[in-house]
Amino acid sequence: MEAQLDTSNLRKVKKMANASINEFLDNVDDLTKAIKDVEAPEIARVRAKVKMALAAAKSALSDGAAQVKGQARQVSRTTDTYVRDNPWQVVGIAAVVGIALGILMTRRSD
């Protein structure tokens, strides 16, 4: 149940972050459109740079999300396979970690 809560919170945070990033990118896009009629050479250069950066940011955002999702799936599959192939080793590791944490926590409370 705790894992479901963590996943739910993670999804909410991810959704909020994506919304904020997309809103920022939309605002930058709106700004470049608003100054499209300004003919000053310096503004034209800046506008061109911003358009290129905006396109790169949107591309990187979508590529990065796909890459992270793929890596997460791979880690999940690898972990699942390891746990299924070595259940007693996983139980042993969990027990050792639990004992170590218990010892550390009792030492800190003293």
PDB file of N, CA and C in Angstrom:
ATOM      1  N   MET A   1       0.833  -1.195   0.000  1.00  0.00           N
ATOM      2  CA  MET A   1       0.000   0.000   0.000  1.00  0.00           C
ATOM      3  C   MET A   1       0.877   1.259   0.000  1.00  0.00           C
ATOM      4  N   GLU A   2       1.970   1.223   0.762  1.00  0.00           N
ATOM      5  CA  GLU A   2       2.854   2.380   0.831  1.00  0.00           C
ATOM      6  C   GLU A   2       3.474   2.679  -0.525  1.00  0.00           C
ATOM      7  N   ALA A   3       3.816   1.628  -1.279  1.00  0.00           N
ATOM      8  CA  ALA A   3       4.393   1.815  -2.613  1.00  0.00           C
ATOM      9  C   ALA A   3       3.392   2.492  -3.542  1.00  0.00           C
ATOM     10  N   GLN A   4       2.110   2.159  -3.386  1.00  0.00           N
ATOM     11  CA  GLN A   4       1.080   2.787  -4.207  1.00  0.00           C
ATOM     12  C   GLN A   4       0.973   4.267  -3.881  1.00  0.00           C
ATOM     13  N   LEU A   5       1.067   4.616  -2.616  1.00  0.00           N
ATOM     14  CA  LEU A   5       1.010   6.019  -2.219  1.00  0.00           C
ATOM     15  C   LEU A   5       2.199   6.778  -2.779  1.00  0.00           C
ATOM     16  N   ASP A   6       3.380   6.177  -2.694  1.00  0.00           N
ATOM     17  CA  ASP A   6       4.572   6.824  -3.211  1.00  0.00           C
ATOM     18  C   ASP A   6       4.467   7.015  -4.720  1.00  0.00           C
ATOM     19  N   THR A   7       3.970   6.008  -5.420  1.00  0.00           N
ATOM     20  CA  THR A   7       3.801   6.100  -6.864  1.00  0.00           C
ATOM     21  C   THR A   7       2.781   7.166  -7.207  1.00  0.00           C
ATOM     22  N   SER A   8       1.711   7.223  -6.449  1.00  0.00           N
ATOM     23  CA  SER A   8       0.681   8.230  -6.685  1.00  0.00           C
ATOM     24  C   SER A   8       1.239   9.632  -6.477  1.00  0.00           C
ATOM     25  N   ASN A   9       1.984   9.826  -5.394  1.00  0.00           N
ATOM     26  CA  ASN A   9       2.600  11.131  -5.129  1.00  0.00           C
ATOM     27  C   ASN A   9       3.615  11.485  -6.198  1.00  0.00           C
ATOM     28  N   LEU A  10       4.381  10.493  -6.633  1.00  0.00           N
ATOM     29  CA  LEU A  10       5.377  10.717  -7.671  1.00  0.00           C
ATOM     30  C   LEU A  10       4.701  11.155  -8.964  1.00  0.00           C
ATOM     31  N   ARG A  11       3.599  10.514  -9.292  1.00  0.00           N
ATOM     32  CA  ARG A  11       2.854  10.887 -10.507  1.00  0.00           C
ATOM     33  C   ARG A  11       2.311  12.308 -10.410  1.00  0.00           C
ATOM     34  N   LYS A  12       1.822  12.677  -9.226  1.00  0.00           N
ATOM     35  CA  LYS A  12       1.293  14.036  -9.035  1.00  0.00           C
ATOM     36  C   LYS A  12       2.399  15.076  -9.194  1.00  0.00           C
ATOM     37  N   VAL A  13       3.541  14.808  -8.587  1.00  0.00           N
ATOM     38  CA  VAL A  13       4.677  15.732  -8.678  1.00  0.00           C
ATOM     39  C   VAL A  13       5.141  15.838 -10.124  1.00  0.00           C
ATOM     40  N   LYS A  14       5.224  14.698 -10.796  1.00  0.00           N
ATOM     41  CA  LYS A  14       5.645  14.680 -12.200  1.00  0.00           C
ATOM     42  C   LYS A  14       4.671  15.480 -13.057  1.00  0.00           C
ATOM     43  N   LYS A  15       3.392  15.288 -12.803  1.00  0.00           N
ATOM     44  CA  LYS A  15       2.365  16.003 -13.568  1.00  0.00           C
ATOM     45  C   LYS A  15       2.470  17.512 -13.338  1.00  0.00           C
ATOM     46  N   MET A  16       2.680  17.901 -12.076  1.00  0.00           N
ATOM     47  CA  MET A  16       2.819  19.326 -11.759  1.00  0.00           C
ATOM     48  C   MET A  16       4.068  19.915 -12.401  1.00  0.00           C
ATOM     49  N   ALA A  17       5.177  19.167 -12.358  1.00  0.00           N
ATOM     50  CA  ALA A  17       6.426  19.651 -12.954  1.00  0.00           C
ATOM     51  C   ALA A  17       6.280  19.795 -14.465  1.00  0.00           C
ATOM     52  N   ASN A  18       5.679  18.806 -15.095  1.00  0.00           N
ATOM     53  CA  ASN A  18       5.473  18.885 -16.540  1.00  0.00           C
ATOM     54  C   ASN A  18       4.563  20.053 -16.896  1.00  0.00           C
ATOM     55  N   ALA A  19       3.527  20.265 -16.105  1.00  0.00           N
ATOM     56  CA  ALA A  19       2.621  21.387 -16.362  1.00  0.00           C
ATOM     57  C   ALA A  19       3.359  22.715 -16.229  1.00  0.00           C
ATOM     58  N   SER A  20       4.203  22.838 -15.214  1.00  0.00           N
ATOM     59  CA  SER A  20       4.968  24.073 -15.017  1.00  0.00           C
ATOM     60  C   SER A  20       5.945  24.309 -16.167  1.00  0.00           C
ATOM     61  N   ILE A  21       6.624  23.259 -16.573  1.00  0.00           N
ATOM     62  CA  ILE A  21       7.581  23.394 -17.678  1.00  0.00           C
ATOM     63  C   ILE A  21       6.853  23.752 -18.965  1.00  0.00           C
ATOM     64  N   ASN A  22       5.750  23.065 -19.227  1.00  0.00           N
ATOM     65  CA  ASN A  22       4.991  23.354 -20.441  1.00  0.00           C
ATOM     66  C   ASN A  22       4.420  24.766 -20.424  1.00  0.00           C
ATOM     67  N   GLU A  23       3.975  25.224 -19.256  1.00  0.00           N
ATOM     68  CA  GLU A  23       3.463  26.589 -19.142  1.00  0.00           C
ATOM     69  C   GLU A  23       4.580  27.601 -19.417  1.00  0.00           C
ATOM     70  N   PHE A  24       5.758  27.343 -18.865  1.00  0.00           N
ATOM     71  CA  PHE A  24       6.899  28.219 -19.110  1.00  0.00           C
ATOM     72  C   PHE A  24       7.234  28.263 -20.603  1.00  0.00           C
ATOM     73  N   LEU A  25       7.301  27.092 -21.227  1.00  0.00           N
ATOM     74  CA  LEU A  25       7.614  27.041 -22.656  1.00  0.00           C
ATOM     75  C   LEU A  25       6.542  27.756 -23.481  1.00  0.00           C
ATOM     76  N   ASP A  26       5.285  27.609 -23.092  1.00  0.00           N
ATOM     77  CA  ASP A  26       4.204  28.313 -23.787  1.00  0.00           C
ATOM     78  C   ASP A  26       4.338  29.827 -23.617  1.00  0.00           C
ATOM     79  N   ASN A  27       4.728  30.263 -22.411  1.00  0.00           N
ATOM     80  CA  ASN A  27       4.919  31.696 -22.173  1.00  0.00           C
ATOM     81  C   ASN A  27       6.065  32.250 -23.014  1.00  0.00           C
ATOM     82  N   VAL A  28       7.134  31.492 -23.127  1.00  0.00           N
ATOM     83  CA  VAL A  28       8.256  31.921 -23.966  1.00  0.00           C
ATOM     84  C   VAL A  28       7.816  31.990 -25.420  1.00  0.00           C
ATOM     85  N   ASP A  29       7.047  31.004 -25.852  1.00  0.00           N
ATOM     86  CA  ASP A  29       6.523  30.994 -27.221  1.00  0.00           C
ATOM     87  C   ASP A  29       5.617  32.205 -27.451  1.00  0.00           C
ATOM     88  N   ASP A  30       4.748  32.509 -26.499  1.00  0.00           N
ATOM     89  CA  ASP A  30       3.883  33.689 -26.607  1.00  0.00           C
ATOM     90  C   ASP A  30       4.703  34.972 -26.681  1.00  0.00           C
ATOM     91  N   LEU A  31       5.756  35.038 -25.897  1.00  0.00           N
ATOM     92  CA  LEU A  31       6.616  36.220 -25.905  1.00  0.00           C
ATOM     93  C   LEU A  31       7.277  36.411 -27.267  1.00  0.00           C
ATOM     94  N   THR A  32       7.779  35.330 -27.842  1.00  0.00           N
ATOM     95  CA  THR A  32       8.416  35.456 -29.164  1.00  0.00           C
ATOM     96  C   THR A  32       7.399  35.879 -30.216  1.00  0.00           C
ATOM     97  N   LYS A  33       6.174  35.411 -30.079  1.00  0.00           N
ATOM     98  CA  LYS A  33       5.128  35.826 -31.030  1.00  0.00           C
ATOM     99  C   LYS A  33       4.770  37.299 -30.835  1.00  0.00           C
ATOM    100  N   ALA A  34       4.777  37.747 -29.583  1.00  0.00           N
ATOM    101  CA  ALA A  34       4.408  39.130 -29.292  1.00  0.00           C
ATOM    102  C   ALA A  34       5.434  40.122 -29.846  1.00  0.00           C
ATOM    103  N   ILE A  35       6.688  39.720 -29.917  1.00  0.00           N
ATOM    104  CA  ILE A  35       7.712  40.651 -30.400  1.00  0.00           C
ATOM    105  C   ILE A  35       8.122  40.366 -31.851  1.00  0.00           C
ATOM    106  N   LYS A  36       7.305  39.586 -32.549  1.00  0.00           N
ATOM    107  CA  LYS A  36       7.662  39.218 -33.923  1.00  0.00           C
ATOM    108  C   LYS A  36       7.672  40.417 -34.869  1.00  0.00           C
ATOM    109  N   ASP A  37       6.920  41.463 -34.554  1.00  0.00           N
ATOM    110  CA  ASP A  37       6.845  42.624 -35.431  1.00  0.00           C
ATOM    111  C   ASP A  37       7.929  43.665 -35.151  1.00  0.00           C
ATOM    112  N   VAL A  38       8.685  43.472 -34.095  1.00  0.00           N
ATOM    113  CA  VAL A  38       9.761  44.403 -33.779  1.00  0.00           C
ATOM    114  C   VAL A  38      10.892  44.149 -34.768  1.00  0.00           C
ATOM    115  N   GLU A  39      11.330  45.210 -35.434  1.00  0.00           N
ATOM    116  CA  GLU A  39      12.294  45.055 -36.528  1.00  0.00           C
ATOM    117  C   GLU A  39      13.742  45.321 -36.138  1.00  0.00           C
ATOM    118  N   ALA A  40      14.029  45.622 -34.905  1.00  0.00           N
ATOM    119  CA  ALA A  40      15.408  45.904 -34.495  1.00  0.00           C
ATOM    120  C   ALA A  40      16.268  44.662 -34.726  1.00  0.00           C
ATOM    121  N   PRO A  41      17.460  44.833 -35.296  1.00  0.00           N
ATOM    122  CA  PRO A  41      18.309  43.678 -35.606  1.00  0.00           C
ATOM    123  C   PRO A  41      18.673  42.846 -34.367  1.00  0.00           C
ATOM    124  N   GLU A  42      18.924  43.515 -33.264  1.00  0.00           N
ATOM    125  CA  GLU A  42      19.280  42.794 -32.038  1.00  0.00           C
ATOM    126  C   GLU A  42      18.103  41.940 -31.559  1.00  0.00           C
ATOM    127  N   ILE A  43      16.898  42.495 -31.614  1.00  0.00           N
ATOM    128  CA  ILE A  43      15.696  41.750 -31.212  1.00  0.00           C
ATOM    129  C   ILE A  43      15.493  40.556 -32.140  1.00  0.00           C
ATOM    130  N   ALA A  44      15.731  40.738 -33.427  1.00  0.00           N
ATOM    131  CA  ALA A  44      15.568  39.644 -34.391  1.00  0.00           C
ATOM    132  C   ALA A  44      16.542  38.506 -34.077  1.00  0.00           C
ATOM    133  N   ARG A  45      17.779  38.842 -33.724  1.00  0.00           N
ATOM    134  CA  ARG A  45      18.771  37.815 -33.370  1.00  0.00           C
ATOM    135  C   ARG A  45      18.348  37.078 -32.096  1.00  0.00           C
ATOM    136  N   VAL A  46      17.918  37.843 -31.102  1.00  0.00           N
ATOM    137  CA  VAL A  46      17.490  37.234 -29.842  1.00  0.00           C
ATOM    138  C   VAL A  46      16.270  36.351 -30.086  1.00  0.00           C
ATOM    139  N   ARG A  47      15.323  36.846 -30.887  1.00  0.00           N
ATOM    140  CA  ARG A  47      14.115  36.081 -31.184  1.00  0.00           C
ATOM    141  C   ARG A  47      14.476  34.760 -31.868  1.00  0.00           C
ATOM    142  N   ALA A  48      15.410  34.788 -32.806  1.00  0.00           N
ATOM    143  CA  ALA A  48      15.839  33.571 -33.495  1.00  0.00           C
ATOM    144  C   ALA A  48      16.483  32.586 -32.523  1.00  0.00           C
ATOM    145  N   LYS A  49      17.323  33.104 -31.633  1.00  0.00           N
ATOM    146  CA  LYS A  49      17.973  32.245 -30.637  1.00  0.00           C
ATOM    147  C   LYS A  49      16.938  31.623 -29.700  1.00  0.00           C
ATOM    148  N   VAL A  50      15.970  32.432 -29.284  1.00  0.00           N
ATOM    149  CA  VAL A  50      14.941  31.934 -28.366  1.00  0.00           C
ATOM    150  C   VAL A  50      14.103  30.856 -29.059  1.00  0.00           C
ATOM    151  N   LYS A  51      13.770  31.058 -30.325  1.00  0.00           N
ATOM    152  CA  LYS A  51      12.992  30.046 -31.050  1.00  0.00           C
ATOM    153  C   LYS A  51      13.762  28.732 -31.143  1.00  0.00           C
ATOM    154  N   MET A  52      15.065  28.834 -31.425  1.00  0.00           N
ATOM    155  CA  MET A  52      15.882  27.623 -31.505  1.00  0.00           C
ATOM    156  C   MET A  52      15.978  26.935 -30.141  1.00  0.00           C
ATOM    157  N   ALA A  53      16.173  27.726 -29.101  1.00  0.00           N
ATOM    158  CA  ALA A  53      16.268  27.167 -27.750  1.00  0.00           C
ATOM    159  C   ALA A  53      14.942  26.553 -27.323  1.00  0.00           C
ATOM    160  N   LEU A  54      13.851  27.188 -27.687  1.00  0.00           N
ATOM    161  CA  LEU A  54      12.523  26.679 -27.351  1.00  0.00           C
ATOM    162  C   LEU A  54      12.278  25.339 -28.037  1.00  0.00           C
ATOM    163  N   ALA A  55      12.614  25.253 -29.307  1.00  0.00           N
ATOM    164  CA  ALA A  55      12.444  23.985 -30.029  1.00  0.00           C
ATOM    165  C   ALA A  55      13.324  22.897 -29.415  1.00  0.00           C
ATOM    166  N   ALA A  56      14.552  23.248 -29.071  1.00  0.00           N
ATOM    167  CA  ALA A  56      15.463  22.275 -28.462  1.00  0.00           C
ATOM    168  C   ALA A  56      14.949  21.828 -27.098  1.00  0.00           C
ATOM    169  N   ALA A  57      14.416  22.763 -26.322  1.00  0.00           N
ATOM    170  CA  ALA A  57      13.904  22.420 -24.988  1.00  0.00           C
ATOM    171  C   ALA A  57      12.703  21.488 -25.094  1.00  0.00           C
ATOM    172  N   LYS A  58      11.803  21.778 -26.019  1.00  0.00           N
ATOM    173  CA  LYS A  58      10.633  20.907 -26.194  1.00  0.00           C
ATOM    174  C   LYS A  58      11.062  19.514 -26.636  1.00  0.00           C
ATOM    175  N   SER A  59      12.008  19.463 -27.541  1.00  0.00           N
ATOM    176  CA  SER A  59      12.504  18.171 -28.026  1.00  0.00           C
ATOM    177  C   SER A  59      13.201  17.403 -26.907  1.00  0.00           C
ATOM    178  N   ALA A  60      14.042  18.084 -26.160  1.00  0.00           N
ATOM    179  CA  ALA A  60      14.766  17.440 -25.059  1.00  0.00           C
ATOM    180  C   ALA A  60      13.809  16.956 -23.983  1.00  0.00           C
ATOM    181  N   LEU A  61      12.767  17.725 -23.730  1.00  0.00           N
ATOM    182  CA  LEU A  61      11.783  17.348 -22.723  1.00  0.00           C
ATOM    183  C   LEU A  61      11.084  16.058 -23.116  1.00  0.00           C
ATOM    184  N   SER A  62      10.645  15.960 -24.352  1.00  0.00           N
ATOM    185  CA  SER A  62       9.954  14.750 -24.782  1.00  0.00           C
ATOM    186  C   SER A  62      10.920  13.572 -24.884  1.00  0.00           C
ATOM    187  N   ASP A  63      12.146  13.823 -25.392  1.00  0.00           N
ATOM    188  CA  ASP A  63      13.141  12.746 -25.476  1.00  0.00           C
ATOM    189  C   ASP A  63      13.554  12.265 -24.092  1.00  0.00           C
ATOM    190  N   GLY A  64      13.749  13.206 -23.183  1.00  0.00           N
ATOM    191  CA  GLY A  64      14.162  12.855 -21.822  1.00  0.00           C
ATOM    192  C   GLY A  64      13.106  12.045 -21.103  1.00  0.00           C
ATOM    193  N   ALA A  65      11.853  12.423 -21.271  1.00  0.00           N
ATOM    194  CA  ALA A  65      10.770  11.689 -20.618  1.00  0.00           C
ATOM    195  C   ALA A  65      10.699  10.262 -21.147  1.00  0.00           C
ATOM    196  N   ALA A  66      10.838  10.102 -22.452  1.00  0.00           N
ATOM    197  CA  ALA A  66      10.798   8.767 -23.045  1.00  0.00           C
ATOM    198  C   ALA A  66      11.985   7.937 -22.587  1.00  0.00           C
ATOM    199  N   GLN A  67      13.151   8.559 -22.491  1.00  0.00           N
ATOM    200  CA  GLN A  67      14.353   7.842 -22.078  1.00  0.00           C
ATOM    201  C   GLN A  67      14.253   7.412 -20.614  1.00  0.00           C
ATOM    202  N   VAL A  68      13.794   8.294 -19.755  1.00  0.00           N
ATOM    203  CA  VAL A  68      13.648   7.954 -18.334  1.00  0.00           C
ATOM    204  C   VAL A  68      12.634   6.833 -18.161  1.00  0.00           C
ATOM    205  N   LYS A  69      11.543   6.906 -18.897  1.00  0.00           N
ATOM    206  CA  LYS A  69      10.512   5.879 -18.804  1.00  0.00           C
ATOM    207  C   LYS A  69      11.075   4.526 -19.248  1.00  0.00           C
ATOM    208  N   GLY A  70      11.847   4.519 -20.321  1.00  0.00           N
ATOM    209  CA  GLY A  70      12.452   3.277 -20.797  1.00  0.00           C
ATOM    210  C   GLY A  70      13.446   2.702 -19.803  1.00  0.00           C
ATOM    211  N   GLN A  71      14.262   3.566 -19.210  1.00  0.00           N
ATOM    212  CA  GLN A  71      15.231   3.111 -18.213  1.00  0.00           C
ATOM    213  C   GLN A  71      14.532   2.573 -16.973  1.00  0.00           C
ATOM    214  N   ALA A  72      13.463   3.222 -16.562  1.00  0.00           N
ATOM    215  CA  ALA A  72      12.718   2.759 -15.391  1.00  0.00           C
ATOM    216  C   ALA A  72      12.115   1.380 -15.646  1.00  0.00           C
ATOM    217  N   ARG A  73      11.598   1.175 -16.841  1.00  0.00           N
ATOM    218  CA  ARG A  73      11.046  -0.143 -17.184  1.00  0.00           C
ATOM    219  C   ARG A  73      12.139  -1.209 -17.155  1.00  0.00           C
ATOM    220  N   GLN A  74      13.307  -0.878 -17.697  1.00  0.00           N
ATOM    221  CA  GLN A  74      14.414  -1.838 -17.731  1.00  0.00           C
ATOM    222  C   GLN A  74      14.866  -2.192 -16.314  1.00  0.00           C
ATOM    223  N   VAL A  75      15.000  -1.197 -15.459  1.00  0.00           N
ATOM    224  CA  VAL A  75      15.394  -1.451 -14.063  1.00  0.00           C
ATOM    225  C   VAL A  75      14.342  -2.305 -13.368  1.00  0.00           C
ATOM    226  N   SER A  76      13.091  -2.008 -13.617  1.00  0.00           N
ATOM    227  CA  SER A  76      12.001  -2.774 -13.018  1.00  0.00           C
ATOM    228  C   SER A  76      12.049  -4.231 -13.465  1.00  0.00           C
ATOM    229  N   ARG A  77      12.252  -4.458 -14.755  1.00  0.00           N
ATOM    230  CA  ARG A  77      12.333  -5.838 -15.268  1.00  0.00           C
ATOM    231  C   ARG A  77      13.535  -6.579 -14.678  1.00  0.00           C
ATOM    232  N   THR A  78      14.672  -5.899 -14.631  1.00  0.00           N
ATOM    233  CA  THR A  78      15.883  -6.523 -14.101  1.00  0.00           C
ATOM    234  C   THR A  78      15.704  -6.889 -12.629  1.00  0.00           C
ATOM    235  N   THR A  79      15.134  -5.969 -11.863  1.00  0.00           N
ATOM    236  CA  THR A  79      14.894  -6.225 -10.437  1.00  0.00           C
ATOM    237  C   THR A  79      13.921  -7.377 -10.256  1.00  0.00           C
ATOM    238  N   ASP A  80      12.853  -7.371 -11.018  1.00  0.00           N
ATOM    239  CA  ASP A  80      11.851  -8.427 -10.931  1.00  0.00           C
ATOM    240  C   ASP A  80      12.472  -9.785 -11.253  1.00  0.00           C
ATOM    241  N   THR A  81      13.267  -9.827 -12.299  1.00  0.00           N
ATOM    242  CA  THR A  81      13.919 -11.081 -12.689  1.00  0.00           C
ATOM    243  C   THR A  81      14.865 -11.564 -11.595  1.00  0.00           C
ATOM    244  N   TYR A  82      15.643 -10.651 -11.028  1.00  0.00           N
ATOM    245  CA  TYR A  82      16.582 -11.028  -9.971  1.00  0.00           C
ATOM    246  C   TYR A  82      15.838 -11.572  -8.748  1.00  0.00           C
ATOM    247  N   VAL A  83      14.773 -10.891  -8.349  1.00  0.00           N
ATOM    248  CA  VAL A  83      14.014 -11.328  -7.167  1.00  0.00           C
ATOM    249  C   VAL A  83      13.386 -12.691  -7.416  1.00  0.00           C
ATOM    250  N   ARG A  84      12.865 -12.910  -8.605  1.00  0.00           N
ATOM    251  CA  ARG A  84      12.250 -14.210  -8.917  1.00  0.00           C
ATOM    252  C   ARG A  84      13.294 -15.327  -8.983  1.00  0.00           C
ATOM    253  N   ASP A  85      14.473 -15.020  -9.496  1.00  0.00           N
ATOM    254  CA  ASP A  85      15.517 -16.032  -9.628  1.00  0.00           C
ATOM    255  C   ASP A  85      16.262 -16.299  -8.318  1.00  0.00           C
ATOM    256  N   ASN A  86      16.281 -15.334  -7.410  1.00  0.00           N
ATOM    257  CA  ASN A  86      17.057 -15.435  -6.168  1.00  0.00           C
ATOM    258  C   ASN A  86      16.242 -14.994  -4.949  1.00  0.00           C
ATOM    259  N   PRO A  87      15.120 -15.631  -4.678  1.00  0.00           N
ATOM    260  CA  PRO A  87      14.270 -15.129  -3.583  1.00  0.00           C
ATOM    261  C   PRO A  87      14.932 -15.196  -2.212  1.00  0.00           C
ATOM    262  N   TRP A  88      15.704 -16.249  -1.942  1.00  0.00           N
ATOM    263  CA  TRP A  88      16.313 -16.379  -0.615  1.00  0.00           C
ATOM    264  C   TRP A  88      17.449 -15.395  -0.418  1.00  0.00           C
ATOM    265  N   GLN A  89      18.158 -15.079  -1.473  1.00  0.00           N
ATOM    266  CA  GLN A  89      19.199 -14.061  -1.355  1.00  0.00           C
ATOM    267  C   GLN A  89      18.576 -12.703  -1.043  1.00  0.00           C
ATOM    268  N   VAL A  90      17.461 -12.414  -1.683  1.00  0.00           N
ATOM    269  CA  VAL A  90      16.777 -11.139  -1.437  1.00  0.00           C
ATOM    270  C   VAL A  90      16.277 -11.078   0.004  1.00  0.00           C
ATOM    271  N   VAL A  91      15.723 -12.188   0.494  1.00  0.00           N
ATOM    272  CA  VAL A  91      15.261 -12.229   1.891  1.00  0.00           C
ATOM    273  C   VAL A  91      16.446 -12.022   2.831  1.00  0.00           C
ATOM    274  N   GLY A  92      17.573 -12.647   2.532  1.00  0.00           N
ATOM    275  CA  GLY A  92      18.768 -12.492   3.363  1.00  0.00           C
ATOM    276  C   GLY A  92      19.283 -11.063   3.364  1.00  0.00           C
ATOM    277  N   ILE A  93      19.330 -10.458   2.180  1.00  0.00           N
ATOM    278  CA  ILE A  93      19.780  -9.065   2.086  1.00  0.00           C
ATOM    279  C   ILE A  93      18.843  -8.152   2.855  1.00  0.00           C
ATOM    280  N   ALA A  94      17.547  -8.369   2.713  1.00  0.00           N
ATOM    281  CA  ALA A  94      16.567  -7.544   3.432  1.00  0.00           C
ATOM    282  C   ALA A  94      16.731  -7.709   4.942  1.00  0.00           C
ATOM    283  N   ALA A  95      16.998  -8.930   5.388  1.00  0.00           N
ATOM    284  CA  ALA A  95      17.183  -9.169   6.822  1.00  0.00           C
ATOM    285  C   ALA A  95      18.430  -8.449   7.334  1.00  0.00           C
ATOM    286  N   VAL A  96      19.528  -8.540   6.582  1.00  0.00           N
ATOM    287  CA  VAL A  96      20.761  -7.870   6.998  1.00  0.00           C
ATOM    288  C   VAL A  96      20.558  -6.358   7.055  1.00  0.00           C
ATOM    289  N   VAL A  97      19.908  -5.812   6.044  1.00  0.00           N
ATOM    290  CA  VAL A  97      19.650  -4.370   6.025  1.00  0.00           C
ATOM    291  C   VAL A  97      18.754  -3.978   7.205  1.00  0.00           C
ATOM    292  N   GLY A  98      17.730  -4.778   7.464  1.00  0.00           N
ATOM    293  CA  GLY A  98      16.846  -4.501   8.598  1.00  0.00           C
ATOM    294  C   GLY A  98      17.569  -4.536   9.930  1.00  0.00           C
ATOM    295  N   ILE A  99      18.437  -5.526  10.108  1.00  0.00           N
ATOM    296  CA  ILE A  99      19.215  -5.628  11.352  1.00  0.00           C
ATOM    297  C   ILE A  99      20.150  -4.428  11.480  1.00  0.00           C
ATOM    298  N   ALA A 100      20.828  -4.083  10.391  1.00  0.00           N
ATOM    299  CA  ALA A 100      21.750  -2.943  10.430  1.00  0.00           C
ATOM    300  C   ALA A 100      21.016  -1.655  10.773  1.00  0.00           C
ATOM    301  N   LEU A 101      19.869  -1.446  10.145  1.00  0.00           N
ATOM    302  CA  LEU A 101      19.086  -0.240  10.457  1.00  0.00           C
ATOM    303  C   LEU A 101      18.608  -0.254  11.906  1.00  0.00           C
ATOM    304  N   GLY A 102      18.198  -1.418  12.385  1.00  0.00           N
ATOM    305  CA  GLY A 102      17.767  -1.530  13.779  1.00  0.00           C
ATOM    306  C   GLY A 102      18.890  -1.178  14.745  1.00  0.00           C
ATOM    307  N   ILE A 103      20.083  -1.678  14.458  1.00  0.00           N
ATOM    308  CA  ILE A 103      21.239  -1.370  15.314  1.00  0.00           C
ATOM    309  C   ILE A 103      21.552   0.122  15.281  1.00  0.00           C
ATOM    310  N   LEU A 104      21.553   0.695  14.097  1.00  0.00           N
ATOM    311  CA  LEU A 104      21.844   2.124  13.974  1.00  0.00           C
ATOM    312  C   LEU A 104      20.795   2.976  14.683  1.00  0.00           C
ATOM    313  N   MET A 105      19.549   2.597  14.563  1.00  0.00           N
ATOM    314  CA  MET A 105      18.486   3.386  15.198  1.00  0.00           C
ATOM    315  C   MET A 105      18.522   3.275  16.718  1.00  0.00           C
ATOM    316  N   THR A 106      18.869   2.087  17.233  1.00  0.00           N
ATOM    317  CA  THR A 106      18.942   1.963  18.696  1.00  0.00           C
ATOM    318  C   THR A 106      20.148   2.707  19.242  1.00  0.00           C
ATOM    319  N   ARG A 107      21.215   2.783  18.477  1.00  0.00           N
ATOM    320  CA  ARG A 107      22.403   3.529  18.933  1.00  0.00           C
ATOM    321  C   ARG A 107      22.120   5.026  18.949  1.00  0.00           C
ATOM    322  N   ARG A 108      21.357   5.483  18.007  1.00  0.00           N
ATOM    323  CA  ARG A 108      21.056   6.931  17.949  1.00  0.00           C
ATOM    324  C   ARG A 108      20.090   7.347  19.062  1.00  0.00           C
ATOM    325  N   SER A 109      19.226   6.440  19.455  1.00  0.00           N
ATOM    326  CA  SER A 109      18.267   6.812  20.496  1.00  0.00           C
ATOM    327  C   SER A 109      18.867   6.763  21.889  1.00  0.00           C
ATOM    328  N   ASP A 110      20.039   6.161  22.035  1.00  0.00           N
ATOM    329  CA  ASP A 110      20.689   6.089  23.360  1.00  0.00           C
ATOM    330  C   ASP A 110      21.345   7.352  23.757  1.00  0.00           C
TER     331      ASP A 110
END
